[in-house]
């Protein structure tokens, strides 16, 4: 799975790499976590880097708390109702420069950061949805101003990261990994038909990646600083 990742590059570098412009003031994220609003490039607005919430809620959901998928297995994208429509119509790129996995060691779980061997930016394959609550929660002040329980609710845009079988680097840490797209495949992921993009869901080549141990500070999403991505010595 992919339950935590990083995007620490400067905003200008991210914009140049994805040929898109932030529509918000971006600050580097060393410890991006589910439920947070994070940078995403959608097929609907490929020239813009938007913020969507990590944890996909299908458009037809009555209660978002029953869903909020942080990952979607590549093998189930066309089969599972929660992902099928987004897979066909609403694919996205999730910019990153590393992600975290945990492996069991003596004394507890040790986190590792997985990155490309040259530490360059990459895109994880994602799906996104626009979900509208059935009723907006209104406060007393809104009633005084003419608002009420029938006020139009605000839509919520969410995303999930697609996962696949691990390559030889990630398999030492976990049985799944995020689908990482080659730069030449990103446009096809956004706009291609489902038959064409199915071929993009294989593991990224392990010889182009590396993994190294990091501090257990990454276990807490509140720790979002450069210290989280630094390599640590875990001994023999």
Protein backbone atom coordinates (compact mmCIF):
# COMPACT_ATOMS: atom_id res chain seq x y z
CA UNK A 1 0.00 0.00 0.00
CA UNK A 2 0.97 3.65 0.05
CA UNK A 3 -0.06 5.38 3.26
CA UNK A 4 2.48 8.20 3.51
CA UNK A 5 4.66 10.09 1.04
CA UNK A 6 6.73 13.23 0.51
CA UNK A 7 6.89 16.16 -1.91
CA UNK A 8 9.76 18.37 -0.79
CA UNK A 9 10.81 20.00 -4.07
CA UNK A 10 10.55 23.76 -4.51
CA UNK A 11 7.24 24.94 -6.03
CA UNK A 12 8.95 26.18 -9.22
CA UNK A 13 10.52 22.77 -9.76
CA UNK A 14 7.20 20.99 -9.31
CA UNK A 15 5.48 23.36 -11.75
CA UNK A 16 8.23 22.92 -14.33
CA UNK A 17 8.24 19.13 -14.00
CA UNK A 18 4.47 18.79 -14.44
CA UNK A 19 3.98 21.75 -16.80
CA UNK A 20 1.24 23.05 -14.51
CA UNK A 21 0.73 25.92 -12.06
CA UNK A 22 -0.26 25.73 -8.40
CA UNK A 23 -3.61 27.31 -7.62
CA UNK A 24 -2.61 27.62 -3.95
CA UNK A 25 0.49 28.53 -1.92
CA UNK A 26 2.40 25.26 -1.84
CA UNK A 27 4.83 24.41 0.94
CA UNK A 28 7.02 21.27 0.86
CA UNK A 29 5.45 18.21 2.46
CA UNK A 30 7.82 15.79 4.18
CA UNK A 31 5.11 13.60 5.64
CA UNK A 32 1.93 13.73 3.56
CA UNK A 33 -0.83 11.66 5.17
CA UNK A 34 -4.41 10.52 4.51
CA UNK A 35 -7.22 13.07 5.05
CA UNK A 36 -4.87 15.95 4.22
CA UNK A 37 -5.38 18.25 1.22
CA UNK A 38 -2.48 17.56 -1.15
CA UNK A 39 -1.27 18.52 -4.66
CA UNK A 40 -2.89 16.65 -7.56
CA UNK A 41 -3.06 17.15 -11.34
CA UNK A 42 -6.35 15.99 -12.87
CA UNK A 43 -7.24 15.16 -16.43
CA UNK A 44 -10.01 17.74 -16.15
CA UNK A 45 -7.55 20.58 -15.42
CA UNK A 46 -4.10 19.34 -16.54
CA UNK A 47 -2.56 22.83 -16.44
CA UNK A 48 -3.34 23.30 -12.74
CA UNK A 49 -1.96 21.71 -9.59
CA UNK A 50 -4.92 21.60 -7.22
CA UNK A 51 -5.44 20.48 -3.64
CA UNK A 52 -7.64 17.42 -3.14
CA UNK A 53 -8.24 15.42 0.02
CA UNK A 54 -6.44 12.09 0.24
CA UNK A 55 -9.10 9.43 0.76
CA UNK A 56 -11.43 8.84 -2.18
CA UNK A 57 -15.16 9.12 -1.55
CA UNK A 58 -17.31 7.79 -4.44
CA UNK A 59 -19.72 10.34 -5.91
CA UNK A 60 -22.69 8.13 -5.01
CA UNK A 61 -21.78 7.67 -1.33
CA UNK A 62 -24.36 8.65 1.28
CA UNK A 63 -21.83 8.82 4.12
CA UNK A 64 -18.19 9.60 3.37
CA UNK A 65 -16.99 7.93 6.58
CA UNK A 66 -17.88 4.54 5.10
CA UNK A 67 -15.35 4.98 2.27
CA UNK A 68 -12.35 7.34 2.10
CA UNK A 69 -10.11 4.92 0.19
CA UNK A 70 -6.45 5.95 0.39
CA UNK A 71 -5.44 3.20 -2.07
CA UNK A 72 -7.06 1.39 -4.98
CA UNK A 73 -5.69 -1.98 -6.12
CA UNK A 74 -4.86 -1.94 -9.84
CA UNK A 75 -6.44 -5.37 -10.22
CA UNK A 76 -9.85 -4.12 -9.04
CA UNK A 77 -10.19 -0.77 -10.81
CA UNK A 78 -12.72 -1.98 -13.37
CA UNK A 79 -14.40 -4.49 -11.07
CA UNK A 80 -15.05 -2.47 -7.93
CA UNK A 81 -17.93 0.00 -8.04
CA UNK A 82 -16.06 2.47 -5.86
CA UNK A 83 -13.34 2.88 -8.50
CA UNK A 84 -14.81 1.91 -11.88
CA UNK A 85 -16.28 5.26 -12.90
CA UNK A 86 -13.26 7.24 -11.72
CA UNK A 87 -10.94 4.83 -13.53
CA UNK A 88 -12.81 5.48 -16.75
CA UNK A 89 -13.34 9.23 -16.41
CA UNK A 90 -11.35 10.82 -13.56
CA UNK A 91 -7.70 9.83 -13.42
CA UNK A 92 -5.03 12.05 -11.91
CA UNK A 93 -1.32 12.41 -11.18
CA UNK A 94 -0.11 12.60 -7.59
CA UNK A 95 3.27 14.40 -7.57
CA UNK A 96 5.84 13.00 -5.14
CA UNK A 97 9.55 12.48 -4.62
CA UNK A 98 9.35 9.60 -2.16
CA UNK A 99 7.00 7.37 -0.20
CA UNK A 100 7.26 5.47 3.06
CA UNK A 101 6.89 1.81 3.96
CA UNK A 102 7.37 0.00 7.24
CA UNK A 103 9.02 -3.37 7.86
CA UNK A 104 9.14 -5.45 11.02
CA UNK A 105 12.47 -5.49 12.85
CA UNK A 106 13.54 -6.54 16.27
CA UNK A 107 12.10 -3.95 18.61
CA UNK A 108 9.28 -2.81 16.32
CA UNK A 109 8.52 -1.52 12.85
CA UNK A 110 11.19 0.43 11.01
CA UNK A 111 10.11 3.04 8.43
CA UNK A 112 11.89 3.32 5.10
CA UNK A 113 11.70 6.03 2.48
CA UNK A 114 11.56 4.82 -1.12
CA UNK A 115 12.69 7.23 -3.85
CA UNK A 116 14.07 7.25 -7.37
CA UNK A 117 17.80 6.65 -7.51
CA UNK A 118 18.41 10.28 -8.55
CA UNK A 119 15.85 11.72 -6.08
CA UNK A 120 13.87 13.25 -8.94
CA UNK A 121 10.17 14.01 -8.93
CA UNK A 122 7.70 11.41 -10.12
CA UNK A 123 3.96 10.92 -10.49
CA UNK A 124 1.93 8.24 -8.77
CA UNK A 125 -1.17 7.10 -10.64
CA UNK A 126 -4.35 8.29 -8.95
CA UNK A 127 -8.11 8.46 -9.27
CA UNK A 128 -10.26 11.35 -8.09
CA UNK A 129 -13.92 11.99 -7.33
CA UNK A 130 -16.22 14.92 -6.61
CA UNK A 131 -18.64 14.07 -3.80
CA UNK A 132 -21.47 16.29 -2.57
CA UNK A 133 -22.86 15.85 0.96
CA UNK A 134 -26.59 15.25 1.14
CA UNK A 135 -27.03 18.22 3.48
CA UNK A 136 -24.76 21.06 4.47
CA UNK A 137 -24.13 21.51 8.18
CA UNK A 138 -25.28 25.05 8.96
CA UNK A 139 -24.65 27.14 12.04
CA UNK A 140 -26.98 29.57 13.76
CA UNK A 141 -25.25 32.51 12.10
CA UNK A 142 -26.15 31.20 8.68
CA UNK A 143 -29.84 30.99 9.55
CA UNK A 144 -29.76 34.67 10.52
CA UNK A 145 -28.27 35.54 7.14
CA UNK A 146 -30.84 33.62 5.14
CA UNK A 147 -28.99 30.29 5.04
CA UNK A 148 -30.61 27.12 6.26
CA UNK A 149 -30.53 23.36 6.15
CA UNK A 150 -31.49 23.47 2.46
CA UNK A 151 -28.43 25.56 1.52
CA UNK A 152 -26.48 24.05 -1.36
CA UNK A 153 -23.75 21.83 0.14
CA UNK A 154 -20.16 22.34 -0.93
CA UNK A 155 -18.69 19.52 -3.05
CA UNK A 156 -15.64 17.68 -1.72
CA UNK A 157 -12.91 16.54 -4.13
CA UNK A 158 -10.91 13.52 -3.04
CA UNK A 159 -8.29 11.18 -4.51
CA UNK A 160 -6.76 7.77 -4.06
CA UNK A 161 -3.40 6.28 -5.09
CA UNK A 162 -3.38 3.18 -7.28
CA UNK A 163 -1.21 0.28 -6.07
CA UNK A 164 0.27 -2.76 -7.77
CA UNK A 165 2.64 -5.66 -7.09
CA UNK A 166 5.99 -4.53 -5.62
CA UNK A 167 9.29 -4.45 -7.45
CA UNK A 168 12.40 -6.04 -5.97
CA UNK A 169 13.20 -2.94 -3.87
CA UNK A 170 9.77 -2.52 -2.30
CA UNK A 171 9.11 -6.26 -1.90
CA UNK A 172 11.66 -6.26 0.94
CA UNK A 173 9.35 -3.83 2.78
CA UNK A 174 5.76 -4.47 1.68
CA UNK A 175 3.62 -6.65 -0.58
CA UNK A 176 2.18 -3.66 -2.50
CA UNK A 177 3.56 -0.42 -3.93
CA UNK A 178 2.21 2.73 -5.55
CA UNK A 179 1.95 2.71 -9.34
CA UNK A 180 4.70 5.08 -10.47
CA UNK A 181 4.33 6.34 -14.01
CA UNK A 182 7.21 6.99 -16.34
CA UNK A 183 7.15 10.66 -17.38
CA UNK A 184 6.32 9.60 -20.94
CA UNK A 185 3.23 7.75 -19.65
CA UNK A 186 1.66 10.54 -17.62
CA UNK A 187 -0.39 12.15 -20.37
CA UNK A 188 -1.68 8.77 -21.45
CA UNK A 189 -2.77 8.02 -17.87
CA UNK A 190 -4.75 11.26 -17.79
CA UNK A 191 -6.44 10.98 -21.16
CA UNK A 192 -6.16 7.44 -22.57
CA UNK A 193 -8.96 4.90 -22.66
CA UNK A 194 -9.07 2.15 -20.06
CA UNK A 195 -7.66 -0.51 -22.39
CA UNK A 196 -4.62 1.63 -23.11
CA UNK A 197 -3.87 2.69 -19.55
CA UNK A 198 -4.17 -0.85 -18.19
CA UNK A 199 -0.67 -1.46 -19.55
CA UNK A 200 0.70 1.31 -17.29
CA UNK A 201 -0.10 -0.43 -14.02
CA UNK A 202 3.02 -2.61 -13.75
CA UNK A 203 5.64 -2.11 -11.00
CA UNK A 204 8.20 0.62 -11.64
CA UNK A 205 11.66 -0.83 -12.43
CA UNK A 206 13.47 -1.61 -9.19
CA UNK A 207 16.89 -0.80 -10.62
CA UNK A 208 15.80 2.84 -10.85
CA UNK A 209 14.80 3.08 -7.16
CA UNK A 210 16.38 2.97 -3.73
CA UNK A 211 15.15 2.59 -0.15
CA UNK A 212 16.74 3.77 3.07
CA UNK A 213 15.74 3.82 6.76
CA UNK A 214 14.34 6.99 8.30
CA UNK A 215 13.38 8.11 11.79
CA UNK A 216 10.26 6.73 13.46
CA UNK A 217 9.23 10.39 13.72
CA UNK A 218 7.49 9.76 10.39
CA UNK A 219 4.97 7.60 12.27
CA UNK A 220 3.25 10.78 13.46
CA UNK A 221 1.84 12.94 10.61
CA UNK A 222 2.33 15.99 12.82
CA UNK A 223 6.07 15.61 12.24
CA UNK A 224 6.44 17.32 8.86
CA UNK A 225 10.02 18.57 8.70
CA UNK A 226 13.28 17.82 6.85
CA UNK A 227 14.31 15.49 9.68
CA UNK A 228 11.68 12.99 8.50
CA UNK A 229 13.40 12.29 5.16
CA UNK A 230 16.95 11.96 6.49
CA UNK A 231 18.60 8.56 6.52
CA UNK A 232 19.23 7.04 9.95
CA UNK A 233 21.48 4.23 11.14
CA UNK A 234 19.48 1.22 12.27
CA UNK A 235 22.49 -0.97 13.03
CA UNK A 236 23.06 -4.50 11.86
